[in-house]
């Protein structure tokens, strides 16, 4: 979702506070989910693959803030791209879990890899 489309905070908030609010919301709303549960979004063409070397929350924040140059660079490098059919089938057959967060109209997904991406959307013990 573009920051222009997000609900505005109370008057007088600085852009830095808005960015932190967006980041906090994204962290809270990011979770592991079975790929199978995202099939309807994949079929609708609204799922973006995020390279595991990128931070999912950083990418989501860049998309939310409409930082087109940064997002375009990742897209040009193939690090942010629509999920390909072969990848979707592989995840489906493996009953894979992915990290997911939503920046409307997109669902951003990143494969769950051992030792990487730990802690998104999870409450500390």
N, C-alpha and C. Protein backbone atom coordinates (compact mmCIF):
# COMPACT_ATOMS: atom_id res chain seq x y z
N UNK A 1 0.86 -1.16 0.00
CA UNK A 1 0.00 0.00 0.00
C UNK A 1 0.90 1.22 0.00
N UNK A 2 0.57 2.14 -0.80
CA UNK A 2 1.30 3.38 -0.86
C UNK A 2 1.07 4.18 0.42
N UNK A 3 2.10 4.91 0.84
CA UNK A 3 1.93 5.74 2.03
C UNK A 3 0.83 6.77 1.81
N UNK A 4 0.60 7.12 0.56
CA UNK A 4 -0.47 8.06 0.25
C UNK A 4 -1.83 7.45 0.56
N UNK A 5 -1.91 6.12 0.49
CA UNK A 5 -3.17 5.43 0.73
C UNK A 5 -3.34 4.98 2.16
N UNK A 6 -2.28 5.08 2.96
CA UNK A 6 -2.37 4.65 4.35
C UNK A 6 -3.08 5.73 5.14
N UNK A 7 -3.72 5.32 6.22
CA UNK A 7 -4.40 6.29 7.07
C UNK A 7 -3.39 7.28 7.63
N UNK A 8 -3.71 8.52 7.56
CA UNK A 8 -2.82 9.55 8.10
C UNK A 8 -2.85 9.50 9.61
N UNK A 9 -1.71 9.76 10.21
CA UNK A 9 -1.64 9.82 11.67
C UNK A 9 -2.25 11.12 12.15
N UNK A 10 -2.24 11.30 13.44
CA UNK A 10 -2.78 12.55 13.98
C UNK A 10 -1.91 13.70 13.53
N UNK A 11 -2.48 14.86 13.42
CA UNK A 11 -1.78 16.03 12.92
C UNK A 11 -0.47 16.28 13.63
N UNK A 12 0.52 16.78 12.90
CA UNK A 12 1.78 17.17 13.49
C UNK A 12 2.83 16.07 13.55
N UNK A 13 2.52 14.86 13.10
CA UNK A 13 3.52 13.81 13.12
C UNK A 13 4.52 14.04 12.01
N UNK A 14 5.78 13.78 12.30
CA UNK A 14 6.82 13.95 11.30
C UNK A 14 6.87 12.73 10.39
N UNK A 15 7.44 12.87 9.20
CA UNK A 15 7.58 11.71 8.30
C UNK A 15 8.37 10.59 8.96
N UNK A 16 9.37 10.91 9.78
CA UNK A 16 10.14 9.87 10.46
C UNK A 16 9.25 9.06 11.39
N UNK A 17 8.34 9.74 12.10
CA UNK A 17 7.40 9.03 12.96
C UNK A 17 6.46 8.16 12.14
N UNK A 18 6.00 8.68 10.99
CA UNK A 18 5.14 7.89 10.11
C UNK A 18 5.88 6.65 9.63
N UNK A 19 7.15 6.80 9.24
CA UNK A 19 7.95 5.67 8.79
C UNK A 19 8.09 4.63 9.89
N UNK A 20 8.32 5.09 11.11
CA UNK A 20 8.46 4.17 12.24
C UNK A 20 7.13 3.47 12.53
N UNK A 21 6.02 4.20 12.40
CA UNK A 21 4.70 3.61 12.60
C UNK A 21 4.45 2.53 11.56
N UNK A 22 4.79 2.81 10.31
CA UNK A 22 4.63 1.83 9.23
C UNK A 22 5.48 0.61 9.52
N UNK A 23 6.74 0.82 9.88
CA UNK A 23 7.65 -0.29 10.18
C UNK A 23 7.10 -1.13 11.32
N UNK A 24 6.65 -0.50 12.38
CA UNK A 24 6.11 -1.22 13.54
C UNK A 24 4.88 -2.03 13.15
N UNK A 25 4.01 -1.43 12.35
CA UNK A 25 2.81 -2.14 11.91
C UNK A 25 3.18 -3.34 11.06
N UNK A 26 4.14 -3.16 10.15
CA UNK A 26 4.55 -4.27 9.28
C UNK A 26 5.17 -5.41 10.08
N UNK A 27 6.00 -5.08 11.05
CA UNK A 27 6.59 -6.13 11.88
C UNK A 27 5.49 -6.91 12.60
N UNK A 28 4.51 -6.20 13.12
CA UNK A 28 3.42 -6.85 13.85
C UNK A 28 2.54 -7.70 12.93
N UNK A 29 2.44 -7.32 11.66
CA UNK A 29 1.55 -8.02 10.73
C UNK A 29 2.26 -9.05 9.87
N UNK A 30 3.55 -9.20 10.02
CA UNK A 30 4.31 -10.17 9.24
C UNK A 30 4.33 -11.50 9.98
N UNK A 31 4.09 -12.56 9.23
CA UNK A 31 4.09 -13.87 9.88
C UNK A 31 4.43 -14.96 8.88
N UNK A 32 4.72 -16.13 9.43
CA UNK A 32 4.90 -17.32 8.60
C UNK A 32 3.51 -17.83 8.25
N UNK A 33 3.38 -18.25 6.99
CA UNK A 33 2.09 -18.77 6.53
C UNK A 33 2.37 -19.86 5.50
N UNK A 34 1.57 -20.91 5.50
CA UNK A 34 1.74 -21.94 4.47
C UNK A 34 1.49 -21.33 3.09
N UNK A 35 2.35 -21.64 2.14
CA UNK A 35 2.20 -21.13 0.78
C UNK A 35 0.82 -21.46 0.24
N UNK A 36 0.32 -22.63 0.56
CA UNK A 36 -0.99 -23.07 0.08
C UNK A 36 -2.08 -22.04 0.38
N UNK A 37 -1.99 -21.34 1.50
CA UNK A 37 -3.02 -20.36 1.87
C UNK A 37 -2.95 -19.08 1.03
N UNK A 38 -1.90 -18.94 0.25
CA UNK A 38 -1.75 -17.74 -0.57
C UNK A 38 -2.07 -17.99 -2.05
N UNK A 39 -2.57 -19.16 -2.36
CA UNK A 39 -2.82 -19.53 -3.76
C UNK A 39 -3.76 -18.58 -4.48
N UNK A 40 -4.81 -18.13 -3.81
CA UNK A 40 -5.76 -17.24 -4.52
C UNK A 40 -5.11 -15.90 -4.85
N UNK A 41 -4.20 -15.45 -3.99
CA UNK A 41 -3.50 -14.19 -4.28
C UNK A 41 -2.49 -14.40 -5.42
N UNK A 42 -1.83 -15.55 -5.41
CA UNK A 42 -0.91 -15.89 -6.50
C UNK A 42 -1.68 -15.95 -7.82
N UNK A 43 -2.83 -16.62 -7.80
CA UNK A 43 -3.64 -16.74 -9.02
C UNK A 43 -4.08 -15.36 -9.53
N UNK A 44 -4.26 -14.42 -8.61
CA UNK A 44 -4.65 -13.06 -8.98
C UNK A 44 -3.47 -12.18 -9.39
N UNK A 45 -2.25 -12.73 -9.34
CA UNK A 45 -1.07 -11.98 -9.77
C UNK A 45 -0.59 -10.93 -8.79
N UNK A 46 -0.96 -11.08 -7.52
CA UNK A 46 -0.60 -10.03 -6.56
C UNK A 46 0.46 -10.45 -5.54
N UNK A 47 1.21 -11.53 -5.82
CA UNK A 47 2.23 -11.98 -4.89
C UNK A 47 3.62 -11.67 -5.44
N UNK A 48 4.41 -10.99 -4.63
CA UNK A 48 5.78 -10.65 -5.02
C UNK A 48 6.78 -11.46 -4.19
N UNK A 49 7.73 -12.05 -4.89
CA UNK A 49 8.84 -12.77 -4.27
C UNK A 49 9.88 -11.75 -3.83
N UNK A 50 10.37 -11.90 -2.61
CA UNK A 50 11.43 -11.04 -2.08
C UNK A 50 12.64 -11.93 -1.82
N UNK A 51 13.76 -11.61 -2.45
CA UNK A 51 14.99 -12.37 -2.29
C UNK A 51 15.33 -12.53 -0.81
N UNK A 52 15.72 -13.72 -0.38
CA UNK A 52 16.05 -13.94 1.04
C UNK A 52 17.21 -13.09 1.56
N UNK A 53 18.03 -12.57 0.66
CA UNK A 53 19.13 -11.70 1.10
C UNK A 53 18.66 -10.30 1.45
N UNK A 54 17.43 -9.96 1.06
CA UNK A 54 16.85 -8.67 1.40
C UNK A 54 16.03 -8.82 2.68
N UNK A 55 15.90 -7.73 3.42
CA UNK A 55 15.06 -7.72 4.60
C UNK A 55 13.63 -7.45 4.15
N UNK A 56 12.74 -8.39 4.44
CA UNK A 56 11.35 -8.28 4.00
C UNK A 56 10.70 -6.98 4.47
N UNK A 57 10.94 -6.60 5.70
CA UNK A 57 10.34 -5.38 6.24
C UNK A 57 10.91 -4.14 5.56
N UNK A 58 12.21 -4.13 5.29
CA UNK A 58 12.81 -3.00 4.57
C UNK A 58 12.17 -2.84 3.19
N UNK A 59 12.01 -3.95 2.49
CA UNK A 59 11.40 -3.90 1.16
C UNK A 59 9.95 -3.40 1.26
N UNK A 60 9.21 -3.93 2.21
CA UNK A 60 7.82 -3.49 2.39
C UNK A 60 7.74 -2.00 2.69
N UNK A 61 8.65 -1.51 3.53
CA UNK A 61 8.67 -0.07 3.85
C UNK A 61 8.99 0.76 2.61
N UNK A 62 9.91 0.30 1.80
CA UNK A 62 10.26 1.03 0.57
C UNK A 62 9.07 1.08 -0.39
N UNK A 63 8.35 -0.02 -0.50
CA UNK A 63 7.16 -0.04 -1.36
C UNK A 63 6.08 0.88 -0.78
N UNK A 64 5.85 0.81 0.52
CA UNK A 64 4.84 1.65 1.16
C UNK A 64 5.15 3.13 1.00
N UNK A 65 6.44 3.48 1.01
CA UNK A 65 6.86 4.87 0.90
C UNK A 65 6.99 5.34 -0.55
N UNK A 66 6.62 4.48 -1.49
CA UNK A 66 6.70 4.82 -2.92
C UNK A 66 8.12 5.20 -3.35
N UNK A 67 9.11 4.52 -2.82
CA UNK A 67 10.50 4.75 -3.23
C UNK A 67 10.78 3.95 -4.49
N UNK A 68 10.27 4.45 -5.60
CA UNK A 68 10.28 3.73 -6.87
C UNK A 68 11.69 3.40 -7.36
N UNK A 69 12.64 4.31 -7.16
CA UNK A 69 13.99 4.04 -7.65
C UNK A 69 14.59 2.82 -6.97
N UNK A 70 14.45 2.74 -5.66
CA UNK A 70 15.00 1.62 -4.91
C UNK A 70 14.30 0.32 -5.29
N UNK A 71 12.98 0.35 -5.36
CA UNK A 71 12.21 -0.84 -5.71
C UNK A 71 12.52 -1.26 -7.14
N UNK A 72 12.64 -0.30 -8.05
CA UNK A 72 12.97 -0.62 -9.44
C UNK A 72 14.34 -1.27 -9.56
N UNK A 73 15.29 -0.82 -8.75
CA UNK A 73 16.62 -1.43 -8.78
C UNK A 73 16.53 -2.91 -8.36
N UNK A 74 15.79 -3.20 -7.30
CA UNK A 74 15.62 -4.59 -6.88
C UNK A 74 14.90 -5.39 -7.94
N UNK A 75 13.91 -4.79 -8.58
CA UNK A 75 13.16 -5.47 -9.63
C UNK A 75 14.07 -5.77 -10.81
N UNK A 76 14.86 -4.78 -11.22
CA UNK A 76 15.79 -4.97 -12.34
C UNK A 76 16.80 -6.09 -12.05
N UNK A 77 17.18 -6.24 -10.78
CA UNK A 77 18.12 -7.28 -10.37
C UNK A 77 17.44 -8.63 -10.17
N UNK A 78 16.10 -8.68 -10.25
CA UNK A 78 15.36 -9.91 -10.04
C UNK A 78 15.21 -10.27 -8.57
N UNK A 79 15.50 -9.33 -7.69
CA UNK A 79 15.42 -9.59 -6.25
C UNK A 79 14.02 -9.34 -5.70
N UNK A 80 13.21 -8.61 -6.42
CA UNK A 80 11.79 -8.41 -6.13
C UNK A 80 11.08 -8.66 -7.46
N UNK A 81 10.19 -9.65 -7.47
CA UNK A 81 9.54 -10.02 -8.73
C UNK A 81 8.27 -10.82 -8.44
N UNK A 82 7.35 -10.83 -9.40
CA UNK A 82 6.19 -11.70 -9.22
C UNK A 82 6.67 -13.14 -9.05
N UNK A 83 5.98 -13.90 -8.20
CA UNK A 83 6.32 -15.30 -8.00
C UNK A 83 6.07 -16.03 -9.32
N UNK A 84 7.06 -16.79 -9.75
CA UNK A 84 6.96 -17.55 -10.99
C UNK A 84 6.18 -18.84 -10.76
N UNK A 85 5.55 -19.35 -11.81
CA UNK A 85 4.76 -20.57 -11.72
C UNK A 85 5.57 -21.73 -11.15
N UNK A 86 6.81 -21.90 -11.63
CA UNK A 86 7.65 -23.01 -11.17
C UNK A 86 7.93 -22.90 -9.67
N UNK A 87 8.18 -21.69 -9.18
CA UNK A 87 8.43 -21.49 -7.76
C UNK A 87 7.18 -21.79 -6.96
N UNK A 88 6.04 -21.32 -7.44
CA UNK A 88 4.78 -21.57 -6.74
C UNK A 88 4.49 -23.07 -6.64
N UNK A 89 4.72 -23.80 -7.71
CA UNK A 89 4.50 -25.25 -7.71
C UNK A 89 5.46 -25.94 -6.75
N UNK A 90 6.72 -25.53 -6.76
CA UNK A 90 7.71 -26.10 -5.85
C UNK A 90 7.28 -25.90 -4.39
N UNK A 91 6.88 -24.67 -4.05
CA UNK A 91 6.43 -24.39 -2.68
C UNK A 91 5.19 -25.18 -2.33
N UNK A 92 4.27 -25.32 -3.29
CA UNK A 92 3.04 -26.06 -3.04
C UNK A 92 3.34 -27.53 -2.77
N UNK A 93 4.17 -28.13 -3.62
CA UNK A 93 4.51 -29.55 -3.45
C UNK A 93 5.28 -29.81 -2.17
N UNK A 94 6.08 -28.83 -1.72
CA UNK A 94 6.88 -28.98 -0.50
C UNK A 94 6.09 -28.59 0.75
N UNK A 95 4.85 -28.13 0.56
CA UNK A 95 4.05 -27.62 1.68
C UNK A 95 4.86 -26.58 2.45
N UNK A 96 5.47 -25.67 1.71
CA UNK A 96 6.41 -24.70 2.26
C UNK A 96 5.73 -23.61 3.08
N UNK A 97 6.49 -23.11 4.04
CA UNK A 97 6.10 -21.91 4.79
C UNK A 97 6.85 -20.74 4.18
N UNK A 98 6.19 -19.59 4.13
CA UNK A 98 6.84 -18.37 3.69
C UNK A 98 6.56 -17.28 4.71
N UNK A 99 7.46 -16.32 4.77
CA UNK A 99 7.17 -15.09 5.51
C UNK A 99 6.30 -14.25 4.61
N UNK A 100 5.29 -13.61 5.15
CA UNK A 100 4.41 -12.80 4.31
C UNK A 100 3.98 -11.54 5.04
N UNK A 101 3.84 -10.48 4.26
CA UNK A 101 3.26 -9.24 4.75
C UNK A 101 2.52 -8.60 3.58
N UNK A 102 1.64 -7.68 3.89
CA UNK A 102 0.78 -7.08 2.86
C UNK A 102 1.05 -5.59 2.76
N UNK A 103 1.30 -5.15 1.55
CA UNK A 103 1.32 -3.74 1.16
C UNK A 103 0.38 -3.69 -0.04
N UNK A 104 -0.87 -3.37 0.21
CA UNK A 104 -1.88 -3.44 -0.85
C UNK A 104 -1.44 -2.71 -2.10
N UNK A 105 -1.60 -3.29 -3.25
CA UNK A 105 -2.34 -4.53 -3.54
C UNK A 105 -1.47 -5.79 -3.47
N UNK A 106 -0.28 -5.68 -2.95
CA UNK A 106 0.68 -6.77 -2.98
C UNK A 106 0.72 -7.58 -1.70
N UNK A 107 0.99 -8.87 -1.87
CA UNK A 107 1.37 -9.75 -0.77
C UNK A 107 2.85 -10.05 -1.04
N UNK A 108 3.71 -9.65 -0.12
CA UNK A 108 5.14 -9.87 -0.26
C UNK A 108 5.49 -11.17 0.47
N UNK A 109 6.21 -12.06 -0.21
CA UNK A 109 6.58 -13.33 0.39
C UNK A 109 8.08 -13.56 0.26
N UNK A 110 8.57 -14.29 1.23
CA UNK A 110 9.99 -14.64 1.26
C UNK A 110 10.06 -16.05 1.84
N UNK A 111 10.85 -16.92 1.21
CA UNK A 111 10.93 -18.28 1.75
C UNK A 111 11.48 -18.28 3.16
N UNK A 112 10.97 -19.19 3.98
CA UNK A 112 11.49 -19.37 5.33
C UNK A 112 12.73 -20.24 5.20
N UNK A 113 13.85 -19.70 5.59
CA UNK A 113 15.12 -20.43 5.52
C UNK A 113 15.68 -20.56 6.92
N UNK A 114 16.22 -21.70 7.24
CA UNK A 114 16.80 -21.92 8.57
C UNK A 114 17.87 -20.89 8.84
N UNK A 115 17.76 -20.23 9.99
CA UNK A 115 18.77 -19.26 10.41
C UNK A 115 18.60 -17.87 9.83
N UNK A 116 17.74 -17.72 8.84
CA UNK A 116 17.50 -16.41 8.24
C UNK A 116 16.08 -15.97 8.57
N UNK A 117 15.87 -14.68 8.54
CA UNK A 117 14.53 -14.10 8.70
C UNK A 117 13.89 -14.46 10.03
N UNK A 118 14.66 -14.72 11.05
CA UNK A 118 14.09 -15.09 12.34
C UNK A 118 13.42 -13.88 13.00
N UNK A 119 12.29 -14.15 13.60
CA UNK A 119 11.68 -13.16 14.47
C UNK A 119 10.58 -12.30 13.90
N UNK A 120 10.36 -12.24 12.60
CA UNK A 120 9.29 -11.42 12.08
C UNK A 120 7.96 -11.94 12.57
N UNK A 121 7.17 -11.03 13.09
CA UNK A 121 5.81 -11.38 13.45
C UNK A 121 5.68 -12.29 14.65
N UNK A 122 6.78 -12.60 15.30
CA UNK A 122 6.70 -13.48 16.45
C UNK A 122 6.92 -12.66 17.71
N UNK A 123 6.19 -13.00 18.74
CA UNK A 123 6.36 -12.34 20.02
C UNK A 123 7.55 -12.94 20.75
N UNK A 124 8.42 -12.12 21.33
CA UNK A 124 9.53 -12.69 22.07
C UNK A 124 9.03 -13.46 23.27
N UNK A 125 9.72 -14.53 23.63
CA UNK A 125 9.31 -15.34 24.78
C UNK A 125 9.66 -14.66 26.08
